Protein backbone atom coordinates (compact mmCIF):
# COMPACT_ATOMS: atom_id res chain seq x y z
CA MET A 1 -4.20 -14.57 -0.10
CA VAL A 2 -7.48 -13.12 -1.30
CA LEU A 3 -7.33 -9.79 -3.19
CA LEU A 4 -10.50 -7.84 -2.43
CA GLU A 5 -12.00 -4.49 -3.41
CA ASN A 6 -11.59 -1.69 -0.87
CA ASP A 7 -15.10 -1.78 0.57
CA SER A 8 -15.23 -5.56 0.82
CA PHE A 9 -11.77 -5.52 2.44
CA LEU A 10 -13.04 -3.19 5.17
CA THR A 11 -16.12 -5.34 5.84
CA GLU A 12 -13.99 -8.50 5.97
CA LEU A 13 -11.52 -6.71 8.28
CA THR A 14 -14.40 -5.87 10.58
CA ARG A 15 -15.29 -9.58 10.71
CA LEU A 16 -11.69 -10.45 11.53
CA PHE A 17 -11.63 -7.91 14.38
CA GLN A 18 -14.88 -9.30 15.77
CA LYS A 19 -13.60 -12.85 15.50
CA CYS A 20 -10.45 -11.99 17.50
CA ARG A 21 -12.24 -9.83 20.06
CA THR A 22 -11.42 -12.00 23.08
CA THR A 23 -8.34 -13.90 21.98
CA GLY A 24 -5.95 -13.68 19.07
CA SER A 25 -4.32 -10.94 17.05
CA VAL A 26 -4.91 -9.29 13.70
CA TYR A 27 -1.70 -8.51 11.81
CA ILE A 28 -1.86 -5.63 9.31
CA THR A 29 0.88 -4.62 6.91
CA LEU A 30 1.10 -1.77 4.43
CA LYS A 31 3.64 -1.33 1.64
CA LYS A 32 4.12 0.51 -1.60
CA TYR A 33 2.86 -1.45 -4.59
CA ASP A 34 3.97 -0.76 -8.15
CA GLY A 35 1.83 -3.37 -9.90
CA ARG A 36 4.52 -5.98 -10.54
CA THR A 37 3.66 -9.59 -10.13
CA LYS A 38 7.11 -10.98 -10.94
CA PRO A 39 10.34 -10.21 -9.04
CA VAL A 40 12.97 -7.87 -10.49
CA PRO A 41 15.94 -9.77 -11.97
CA ARG A 42 19.26 -9.18 -10.21
CA LYS A 43 21.49 -9.37 -13.29
CA GLY A 44 21.04 -9.14 -16.99
CA ASN A 45 18.58 -6.84 -18.70
CA PRO A 46 16.23 -5.45 -16.12
CA GLU A 47 12.91 -4.47 -17.61
CA ASN A 48 12.17 -0.77 -17.70
CA PHE A 49 8.96 -0.73 -15.74
CA GLU A 50 7.40 2.62 -14.92
CA PRO A 51 4.36 2.50 -12.66
CA VAL A 52 1.52 4.64 -13.93
CA ASP A 53 0.01 5.31 -10.53
CA ASN A 54 1.30 5.09 -6.95
CA LYS A 55 -0.54 2.38 -5.05
CA CYS A 56 -0.53 0.91 -1.56
CA LEU A 57 -0.88 -2.81 -0.79
CA ILE A 58 -2.65 -3.53 2.50
CA ARG A 59 -2.68 -7.02 3.97
CA ALA A 60 -4.42 -8.41 7.04
CA SER A 61 -4.06 -11.87 8.52
CA VAL A 62 -5.44 -13.91 11.38
CA GLY A 63 -3.91 -17.34 11.59
CA LYS A 64 -4.38 -18.92 8.17
CA LYS A 65 -6.98 -16.41 6.99
CA LYS A 66 -5.36 -13.72 4.82
CA ILE A 67 -6.95 -10.83 2.93
CA SER A 68 -5.48 -7.95 0.93
CA THR A 69 -6.40 -4.91 -1.14
CA VAL A 70 -4.69 -2.38 -3.37
CA VAL A 71 -5.52 1.27 -2.82
CA SER A 72 -4.76 3.77 -5.58
CA SER A 73 -3.61 7.31 -4.87
CA LYS A 74 -6.98 8.68 -6.01
CA GLU A 75 -8.91 6.65 -3.44
CA VAL A 76 -6.49 6.94 -0.53
CA ASN A 77 -8.30 9.73 1.34
CA LYS A 78 -11.66 7.95 1.29
CA PHE A 79 -10.09 4.62 2.27
CA GLN A 80 -7.98 6.16 5.04
CA MET A 81 -10.98 7.80 6.68
CA ALA A 82 -12.98 4.55 6.65
CA TYR A 83 -9.95 2.57 7.83
CA SER A 84 -9.20 4.93 10.72
CA ASN A 85 -12.84 4.82 11.87
CA LEU A 86 -12.70 1.03 11.77
CA LEU A 87 -9.49 0.95 13.84
CA ARG A 88 -10.91 3.35 16.42
CA ALA A 89 -14.02 1.23 16.80
CA HIS A 90 -12.12 -2.02 17.36
CA MET A 91 -9.08 -0.91 19.39
CA ASP A 92 -10.98 -0.65 22.69
CA GLY A 93 -10.10 -4.17 23.87
CA LEU A 94 -6.40 -3.46 24.32
CA LYS A 95 -4.85 -4.13 27.71
CA LYS A 96 -3.20 -1.22 29.47
CA LYS A 97 0.47 -1.54 30.26
CA ASP A 98 1.53 -1.33 33.88
CA LYS A 99 3.62 1.78 34.43
CA LYS A 100 6.29 1.29 37.02
CA SER A 101 7.95 4.38 38.36
CA LYS A 102 11.71 4.78 38.42
CA SER A 103 11.72 5.01 42.23
CA LYS A 104 10.32 1.50 42.56
CA LYS A 105 12.99 0.16 40.24
CA SER A 106 15.77 1.83 42.21
CA LYS A 107 14.39 0.56 45.54
CA ALA A 108 14.22 -2.98 44.22
CA THR A 109 17.87 -2.95 43.12
CA GLN A 110 19.10 -1.70 46.55
């Protein structure tokens, strides 16, 4: 897993989308990130850890290639605008789902 800066993450994500244009999938996950690198102990004396700033961890993967970035709450608006533009630009290759009407389903069962 490669931790990148926000701008370099978006450029690398663009490359991943272009690489998987015809075949393959890009998996993207988002989760809250508090800055911990070690897991919280179940028992005993849990450390009192107070995150200074709310952050978001964003990961993208294609096969064995994995990239990630951490977005702070101060930069979230700028990143979200660039990220949404990137998604709009690269979501045009999706296949449309066939919509089957309810009447066809009922005729097939009779």
